[in-house]
Amino acid sequence: MGRVVGRATLGNLKVEALQGGKVIAETRTDGSGFYGFLNLPAGDTQVRVEGQRWTDKVPVRGVVEFPNLLVRELRRTP
């Protein structure tokens, strides 16, 4: 479970969970930026939103709650 913050539009952002560099689950944020995954395997897990990543460990039992994920709008510089 988690929430994406820091953007004017928070809904419908693609959120991916990765383990070992492979996408194991994906979802989209709701209108308030919240997202969740069910039944992720235990282990080091990266969450990727808009190309930015955060890492945490999924426990064997229980729930992991990621902190608010601040997504920065990146602009290319000429």
PDB file of N, CA and C in Angstrom:
ATOM      1  N   MET A   1       0.848  -1.172   0.000  1.00  0.00           N
ATOM      2  CA  MET A   1       0.000   0.000   0.000  1.00  0.00           C
ATOM      3  C   MET A   1       0.889   1.230   0.000  1.00  0.00           C
ATOM      4  N   GLY A   2       0.386   2.265  -0.595  1.00  0.00           N
ATOM      5  CA  GLY A   2       1.136   3.503  -0.595  1.00  0.00           C
ATOM      6  C   GLY A   2       0.354   4.608  -1.267  1.00  0.00           C
ATOM      7  N   ARG A   3       0.987   5.750  -1.361  1.00  0.00           N
ATOM      8  CA  ARG A   3       0.362   6.906  -1.980  1.00  0.00           C
ATOM      9  C   ARG A   3       1.422   7.696  -2.726  1.00  0.00           C
ATOM     10  N   VAL A   4       1.052   8.165  -3.899  1.00  0.00           N
ATOM     11  CA  VAL A   4       1.914   9.033  -4.695  1.00  0.00           C
ATOM     12  C   VAL A   4       1.498  10.466  -4.428  1.00  0.00           C
ATOM     13  N   VAL A   5       2.470  11.346  -4.215  1.00  0.00           N
ATOM     14  CA  VAL A   5       2.194  12.771  -3.977  1.00  0.00           C
ATOM     15  C   VAL A   5       3.129  13.597  -4.845  1.00  0.00           C
ATOM     16  N   GLY A   6       2.868  14.897  -4.920  1.00  0.00           N
ATOM     17  CA  GLY A   6       3.802  15.810  -5.575  1.00  0.00           C
ATOM     18  C   GLY A   6       3.471  16.164  -7.003  1.00  0.00           C
ATOM     19  N   ARG A   7       2.309  15.746  -7.486  1.00  0.00           N
ATOM     20  CA  ARG A   7       1.912  16.070  -8.855  1.00  0.00           C
ATOM     21  C   ARG A   7       0.528  16.680  -8.826  1.00  0.00           C
ATOM     22  N   ALA A   8       0.248  17.494  -9.817  1.00  0.00           N
ATOM     23  CA  ALA A   8      -1.083  18.089  -9.912  1.00  0.00           C
ATOM     24  C   ALA A   8      -2.136  17.018 -10.180  1.00  0.00           C
ATOM     25  N   THR A   9      -1.811  16.037 -11.010  1.00  0.00           N
ATOM     26  CA  THR A   9      -2.722  14.945 -11.322  1.00  0.00           C
ATOM     27  C   THR A   9      -2.163  13.665 -10.725  1.00  0.00           C
ATOM     28  N   LEU A  10      -2.885  13.077  -9.761  1.00  0.00           N
ATOM     29  CA  LEU A  10      -2.395  11.891  -9.073  1.00  0.00           C
ATOM     30  C   LEU A  10      -3.069  10.607  -9.542  1.00  0.00           C
ATOM     31  N   GLY A  11      -4.198  10.725 -10.205  1.00  0.00           N
ATOM     32  CA  GLY A  11      -4.948   9.541 -10.612  1.00  0.00           C
ATOM     33  C   GLY A  11      -4.416   8.900 -11.878  1.00  0.00           C
ATOM     34  N   ASN A  12      -4.601   7.590 -11.961  1.00  0.00           N
ATOM     35  CA  ASN A  12      -4.291   6.798 -13.144  1.00  0.00           C
ATOM     36  C   ASN A  12      -2.800   6.745 -13.487  1.00  0.00           C
ATOM     37  N   LEU A  13      -1.918   6.912 -12.496  1.00  0.00           N
ATOM     38  CA  LEU A  13      -0.488   6.748 -12.726  1.00  0.00           C
ATOM     39  C   LEU A  13      -0.149   5.267 -12.649  1.00  0.00           C
ATOM     40  N   LYS A  14       0.687   4.799 -13.545  1.00  0.00           N
ATOM     41  CA  LYS A  14       1.114   3.397 -13.546  1.00  0.00           C
ATOM     42  C   LYS A  14       2.127   3.177 -12.431  1.00  0.00           C
ATOM     43  N   VAL A  15       1.884   2.163 -11.596  1.00  0.00           N
ATOM     44  CA  VAL A  15       2.768   1.811 -10.492  1.00  0.00           C
ATOM     45  C   VAL A  15       3.162   0.351 -10.670  1.00  0.00           C
ATOM     46  N   GLU A  16       4.466   0.080 -10.655  1.00  0.00           N
ATOM     47  CA  GLU A  16       4.956  -1.284 -10.849  1.00  0.00           C
ATOM     48  C   GLU A  16       5.745  -1.735  -9.627  1.00  0.00           C
ATOM     49  N   ALA A  17       5.631  -3.021  -9.290  1.00  0.00           N
ATOM     50  CA  ALA A  17       6.452  -3.649  -8.257  1.00  0.00           C
ATOM     51  C   ALA A  17       7.456  -4.543  -8.967  1.00  0.00           C
ATOM     52  N   LEU A  18       8.734  -4.418  -8.598  1.00  0.00           N
ATOM     53  CA  LEU A  18       9.798  -5.190  -9.229  1.00  0.00           C
ATOM     54  C   LEU A  18      10.587  -5.963  -8.186  1.00  0.00           C
ATOM     55  N   GLN A  19      10.973  -7.173  -8.535  1.00  0.00           N
ATOM     56  CA  GLN A  19      11.904  -7.956  -7.724  1.00  0.00           C
ATOM     57  C   GLN A  19      12.916  -8.566  -8.683  1.00  0.00           C
ATOM     58  N   GLY A  20      14.178  -8.444  -8.345  1.00  0.00           N
ATOM     59  CA  GLY A  20      15.228  -8.967  -9.211  1.00  0.00           C
ATOM     60  C   GLY A  20      15.232  -8.329 -10.585  1.00  0.00           C
ATOM     61  N   GLY A  21      14.779  -7.077 -10.674  1.00  0.00           N
ATOM     62  CA  GLY A  21      14.760  -6.357 -11.939  1.00  0.00           C
ATOM     63  C   GLY A  21      13.593  -6.695 -12.843  1.00  0.00           C
ATOM     64  N   LYS A  22      12.706  -7.582 -12.396  1.00  0.00           N
ATOM     65  CA  LYS A  22      11.545  -7.977 -13.205  1.00  0.00           C
ATOM     66  C   LYS A  22      10.261  -7.439 -12.586  1.00  0.00           C
ATOM     67  N   VAL A  23       9.353  -6.967 -13.442  1.00  0.00           N
ATOM     68  CA  VAL A  23       8.047  -6.498 -12.972  1.00  0.00           C
ATOM     69  C   VAL A  23       7.240  -7.715 -12.549  1.00  0.00           C
ATOM     70  N   ILE A  24       6.803  -7.720 -11.282  1.00  0.00           N
ATOM     71  CA  ILE A  24       6.014  -8.841 -10.776  1.00  0.00           C
ATOM     72  C   ILE A  24       4.551  -8.464 -10.567  1.00  0.00           C
ATOM     73  N   ALA A  25       4.262  -7.159 -10.568  1.00  0.00           N
ATOM     74  CA  ALA A  25       2.879  -6.705 -10.415  1.00  0.00           C
ATOM     75  C   ALA A  25       2.791  -5.266 -10.890  1.00  0.00           C
ATOM     76  N   GLU A  26       1.609  -4.885 -11.344  1.00  0.00           N
ATOM     77  CA  GLU A  26       1.389  -3.479 -11.685  1.00  0.00           C
ATOM     78  C   GLU A  26      -0.049  -3.110 -11.373  1.00  0.00           C
ATOM     79  N   THR A  27      -0.230  -1.829 -11.124  1.00  0.00           N
ATOM     80  CA  THR A  27      -1.542  -1.296 -10.808  1.00  0.00           C
ATOM     81  C   THR A  27      -1.552   0.165 -11.223  1.00  0.00           C
ATOM     82  N   ARG A  28      -2.638   0.842 -10.948  1.00  0.00           N
ATOM     83  CA  ARG A  28      -2.764   2.284 -11.218  1.00  0.00           C
ATOM     84  C   ARG A  28      -3.263   2.974  -9.959  1.00  0.00           C
ATOM     85  N   THR A  29      -2.889   4.240  -9.809  1.00  0.00           N
ATOM     86  CA  THR A  29      -3.343   5.005  -8.643  1.00  0.00           C
ATOM     87  C   THR A  29      -4.800   5.401  -8.818  1.00  0.00           C
ATOM     88  N   ASP A  30      -5.461   5.593  -7.671  1.00  0.00           N
ATOM     89  CA  ASP A  30      -6.820   6.132  -7.733  1.00  0.00           C
ATOM     90  C   ASP A  30      -6.722   7.655  -7.820  1.00  0.00           C
ATOM     91  N   GLY A  31      -7.842   8.346  -7.781  1.00  0.00           N
ATOM     92  CA  GLY A  31      -7.855   9.798  -7.948  1.00  0.00           C
ATOM     93  C   GLY A  31      -7.108  10.569  -6.874  1.00  0.00           C
ATOM     94  N   SER A  32      -6.859   9.936  -5.720  1.00  0.00           N
ATOM     95  CA  SER A  32      -6.123  10.582  -4.634  1.00  0.00           C
ATOM     96  C   SER A  32      -4.665  10.153  -4.575  1.00  0.00           C
ATOM     97  N   GLY A  33      -4.238   9.308  -5.512  1.00  0.00           N
ATOM     98  CA  GLY A  33      -2.844   8.874  -5.555  1.00  0.00           C
ATOM     99  C   GLY A  33      -2.562   7.583  -4.809  1.00  0.00           C
ATOM    100  N   PHE A  34      -3.586   6.943  -4.241  1.00  0.00           N
ATOM    101  CA  PHE A  34      -3.376   5.701  -3.500  1.00  0.00           C
ATOM    102  C   PHE A  34      -3.288   4.512  -4.454  1.00  0.00           C
ATOM    103  N   TYR A  35      -2.478   3.509  -4.071  1.00  0.00           N
ATOM    104  CA  TYR A  35      -2.335   2.280  -4.839  1.00  0.00           C
ATOM    105  C   TYR A  35      -2.066   1.136  -3.872  1.00  0.00           C
ATOM    106  N   GLY A  36      -2.192  -0.071  -4.342  1.00  0.00           N
ATOM    107  CA  GLY A  36      -1.887  -1.229  -3.504  1.00  0.00           C
ATOM    108  C   GLY A  36      -1.633  -2.453  -4.358  1.00  0.00           C
ATOM    109  N   PHE A  37      -0.912  -3.409  -3.781  1.00  0.00           N
ATOM    110  CA  PHE A  37      -0.639  -4.691  -4.417  1.00  0.00           C
ATOM    111  C   PHE A  37      -1.070  -5.784  -3.452  1.00  0.00           C
ATOM    112  N   LEU A  38      -1.614  -6.854  -3.976  1.00  0.00           N
ATOM    113  CA  LEU A  38      -1.965  -8.016  -3.162  1.00  0.00           C
ATOM    114  C   LEU A  38      -0.998  -9.146  -3.448  1.00  0.00           C
ATOM    115  N   ASN A  39      -0.635  -9.880  -2.403  1.00  0.00           N
ATOM    116  CA  ASN A  39       0.124 -11.121  -2.542  1.00  0.00           C
ATOM    117  C   ASN A  39       1.481 -10.971  -3.214  1.00  0.00           C
ATOM    118  N   LEU A  40       2.239  -9.955  -2.834  1.00  0.00           N
ATOM    119  CA  LEU A  40       3.609  -9.853  -3.332  1.00  0.00           C
ATOM    120  C   LEU A  40       4.471 -10.873  -2.596  1.00  0.00           C
ATOM    121  N   PRO A  41       5.400 -11.529  -3.288  1.00  0.00           N
ATOM    122  CA  PRO A  41       6.308 -12.441  -2.589  1.00  0.00           C
ATOM    123  C   PRO A  41       7.242 -11.662  -1.659  1.00  0.00           C
ATOM    124  N   ALA A  42       7.690 -12.325  -0.604  1.00  0.00           N
ATOM    125  CA  ALA A  42       8.613 -11.695   0.342  1.00  0.00           C
ATOM    126  C   ALA A  42       9.931 -11.385  -0.353  1.00  0.00           C
ATOM    127  N   GLY A  43      10.601 -10.323   0.105  1.00  0.00           N
ATOM    128  CA  GLY A  43      11.921  -9.984  -0.424  1.00  0.00           C
ATOM    129  C   GLY A  43      12.047  -8.518  -0.764  1.00  0.00           C
ATOM    130  N   ASP A  44      13.235  -8.133  -1.206  1.00  0.00           N
ATOM    131  CA  ASP A  44      13.495  -6.752  -1.592  1.00  0.00           C
ATOM    132  C   ASP A  44      12.634  -6.415  -2.803  1.00  0.00           C
ATOM    133  N   THR A  45      11.892  -5.341  -2.676  1.00  0.00           N
ATOM    134  CA  THR A  45      10.948  -4.954  -3.724  1.00  0.00           C
ATOM    135  C   THR A  45      11.128  -3.488  -4.058  1.00  0.00           C
ATOM    136  N   GLN A  46      11.171  -3.190  -5.347  1.00  0.00           N
ATOM    137  CA  GLN A  46      11.205  -1.805  -5.801  1.00  0.00           C
ATOM    138  C   GLN A  46       9.814  -1.437  -6.288  1.00  0.00           C
ATOM    139  N   VAL A  47       9.418  -0.213  -5.992  1.00  0.00           N
ATOM    140  CA  VAL A  47       8.186   0.330  -6.546  1.00  0.00           C
ATOM    141  C   VAL A  47       8.595   1.414  -7.521  1.00  0.00           C
ATOM    142  N   ARG A  48       8.063   1.351  -8.738  1.00  0.00           N
ATOM    143  CA  ARG A  48       8.429   2.303  -9.780  1.00  0.00           C
ATOM    144  C   ARG A  48       7.184   3.065 -10.207  1.00  0.00           C
ATOM    145  N   VAL A  49       7.301   4.398 -10.191  1.00  0.00           N
ATOM    146  CA  VAL A  49       6.234   5.293 -10.636  1.00  0.00           C
ATOM    147  C   VAL A  49       6.862   6.327 -11.550  1.00  0.00           C
ATOM    148  N   GLU A  50       6.351   6.433 -12.761  1.00  0.00           N
ATOM    149  CA  GLU A  50       6.853   7.439 -13.688  1.00  0.00           C
ATOM    150  C   GLU A  50       8.373   7.381 -13.832  1.00  0.00           C
ATOM    151  N   GLY A  51       8.948   6.176 -13.824  1.00  0.00           N
ATOM    152  CA  GLY A  51      10.381   6.005 -14.016  1.00  0.00           C
ATOM    153  C   GLY A  51      11.225   6.224 -12.779  1.00  0.00           C
ATOM    154  N   GLN A  52      10.619   6.631 -11.665  1.00  0.00           N
ATOM    155  CA  GLN A  52      11.343   6.826 -10.415  1.00  0.00           C
ATOM    156  C   GLN A  52      11.091   5.622  -9.520  1.00  0.00           C
ATOM    157  N   ARG A  53      12.106   5.209  -8.722  1.00  0.00           N
ATOM    158  CA  ARG A  53      12.010   3.982  -7.943  1.00  0.00           C
ATOM    159  C   ARG A  53      12.285   4.203  -6.464  1.00  0.00           C
ATOM    160  N   TRP A  54      11.637   3.364  -5.641  1.00  0.00           N
ATOM    161  CA  TRP A  54      11.848   3.308  -4.205  1.00  0.00           C
ATOM    162  C   TRP A  54      11.983   1.849  -3.830  1.00  0.00           C
ATOM    163  N   THR A  55      12.777   1.533  -2.822  1.00  0.00           N
ATOM    164  CA  THR A  55      13.007   0.143  -2.432  1.00  0.00           C
ATOM    165  C   THR A  55      12.608  -0.074  -0.982  1.00  0.00           C
ATOM    166  N   ASP A  56      12.006  -1.245  -0.714  1.00  0.00           N
ATOM    167  CA  ASP A  56      11.657  -1.659   0.642  1.00  0.00           C
ATOM    168  C   ASP A  56      11.644  -3.177   0.653  1.00  0.00           C
ATOM    169  N   LYS A  57      11.557  -3.767   1.835  1.00  0.00           N
ATOM    170  CA  LYS A  57      11.522  -5.219   1.969  1.00  0.00           C
ATOM    171  C   LYS A  57      10.101  -5.646   2.294  1.00  0.00           C
ATOM    172  N   VAL A  58       9.557  -6.585   1.512  1.00  0.00           N
ATOM    173  CA  VAL A  58       8.242  -7.150   1.770  1.00  0.00           C
ATOM    174  C   VAL A  58       8.437  -8.297   2.758  1.00  0.00           C
ATOM    175  N   PRO A  59       7.727  -8.277   3.917  1.00  0.00           N
ATOM    176  CA  PRO A  59       7.887  -9.340   4.908  1.00  0.00           C
ATOM    177  C   PRO A  59       7.213 -10.631   4.450  1.00  0.00           C
ATOM    178  N   VAL A  60       7.593 -11.740   5.086  1.00  0.00           N
ATOM    179  CA  VAL A  60       6.968 -13.024   4.776  1.00  0.00           C
ATOM    180  C   VAL A  60       5.481 -12.974   5.108  1.00  0.00           C
ATOM    181  N   ARG A  61       5.143 -12.347   6.216  1.00  0.00           N
ATOM    182  CA  ARG A  61       3.743 -12.168   6.610  1.00  0.00           C
ATOM    183  C   ARG A  61       3.506 -10.705   6.928  1.00  0.00           C
ATOM    184  N   GLY A  62       2.290 -10.265   6.690  1.00  0.00           N
ATOM    185  CA  GLY A  62       1.935  -8.905   7.058  1.00  0.00           C
ATOM    186  C   GLY A  62       1.876  -7.978   5.864  1.00  0.00           C
ATOM    187  N   VAL A  63       1.874  -6.716   6.180  1.00  0.00           N
ATOM    188  CA  VAL A  63       1.678  -5.676   5.176  1.00  0.00           C
ATOM    189  C   VAL A  63       2.844  -4.704   5.243  1.00  0.00           C
ATOM    190  N   VAL A  64       3.324  -4.277   4.098  1.00  0.00           N
ATOM    191  CA  VAL A  64       4.320  -3.215   4.058  1.00  0.00           C
ATOM    192  C   VAL A  64       3.617  -1.972   3.528  1.00  0.00           C
ATOM    193  N   GLU A  65       3.854  -0.860   4.198  1.00  0.00           N
ATOM    194  CA  GLU A  65       3.282   0.400   3.733  1.00  0.00           C
ATOM    195  C   GLU A  65       4.424   1.319   3.366  1.00  0.00           C
ATOM    196  N   PHE A  66       4.511   1.645   2.092  1.00  0.00           N
ATOM    197  CA  PHE A  66       5.538   2.571   1.644  1.00  0.00           C
ATOM    198  C   PHE A  66       5.167   3.974   2.109  1.00  0.00           C
ATOM    199  N   PRO A  67       6.154   4.813   2.421  1.00  0.00           N
ATOM    200  CA  PRO A  67       5.840   6.209   2.741  1.00  0.00           C
ATOM    201  C   PRO A  67       5.296   6.898   1.492  1.00  0.00           C
ATOM    202  N   ASN A  68       4.782   8.102   1.662  1.00  0.00           N
ATOM    203  CA  ASN A  68       4.331   8.856   0.489  1.00  0.00           C
ATOM    204  C   ASN A  68       5.475   8.934  -0.515  1.00  0.00           C
ATOM    205  N   LEU A  69       5.203   8.558  -1.748  1.00  0.00           N
ATOM    206  CA  LEU A  69       6.211   8.574  -2.800  1.00  0.00           C
ATOM    207  C   LEU A  69       6.121   9.900  -3.541  1.00  0.00           C
ATOM    208  N   LEU A  70       7.085  10.760  -3.323  1.00  0.00           N
ATOM    209  CA  LEU A  70       7.103  12.077  -3.952  1.00  0.00           C
ATOM    210  C   LEU A  70       7.616  11.932  -5.373  1.00  0.00           C
ATOM    211  N   VAL A  71       6.735  12.106  -6.330  1.00  0.00           N
ATOM    212  CA  VAL A  71       7.093  12.015  -7.735  1.00  0.00           C
ATOM    213  C   VAL A  71       7.369  13.425  -8.237  1.00  0.00           C
ATOM    214  N   ARG A  72       8.550  13.626  -8.723  1.00  0.00           N
ATOM    215  CA  ARG A  72       8.918  14.946  -9.237  1.00  0.00           C
ATOM    216  C   ARG A  72       8.701  14.966 -10.743  1.00  0.00           C
ATOM    217  N   GLU A  73       8.151  16.055 -11.197  1.00  0.00           N
ATOM    218  CA  GLU A  73       7.973  16.206 -12.642  1.00  0.00           C
ATOM    219  C   GLU A  73       9.324  16.608 -13.211  1.00  0.00           C
ATOM    220  N   LEU A  74       9.880  15.731 -14.018  1.00  0.00           N
ATOM    221  CA  LEU A  74      11.213  15.954 -14.574  1.00  0.00           C
ATOM    222  C   LEU A  74      11.082  16.568 -15.954  1.00  0.00           C
ATOM    223  N   ARG A  75      11.904  17.552 -16.210  1.00  0.00           N
ATOM    224  CA  ARG A  75      11.933  18.204 -17.514  1.00  0.00           C
ATOM    225  C   ARG A  75      13.325  18.077 -18.096  1.00  0.00           C
ATOM    226  N   ARG A  76      13.374  17.822 -19.374  1.00  0.00           N
ATOM    227  CA  ARG A  76      14.677  17.767 -20.042  1.00  0.00           C
ATOM    228  C   ARG A  76      15.234  19.165 -20.195  1.00  0.00           C
ATOM    229  N   THR A  77      16.542  19.267 -20.028  1.00  0.00           N
ATOM    230  CA  THR A  77      17.189  20.549 -20.260  1.00  0.00           C
ATOM    231  C   THR A  77      17.865  20.507 -21.619  1.00  0.00           C
ATOM    232  N   PRO A  78      17.795  21.597 -22.346  1.00  0.00           N
ATOM    233  CA  PRO A  78      18.403  21.620 -23.692  1.00  0.00           C
ATOM    234  C   PRO A  78      19.917  21.547 -23.641  1.00  0.00           C
TER     235      PRO A  78
END
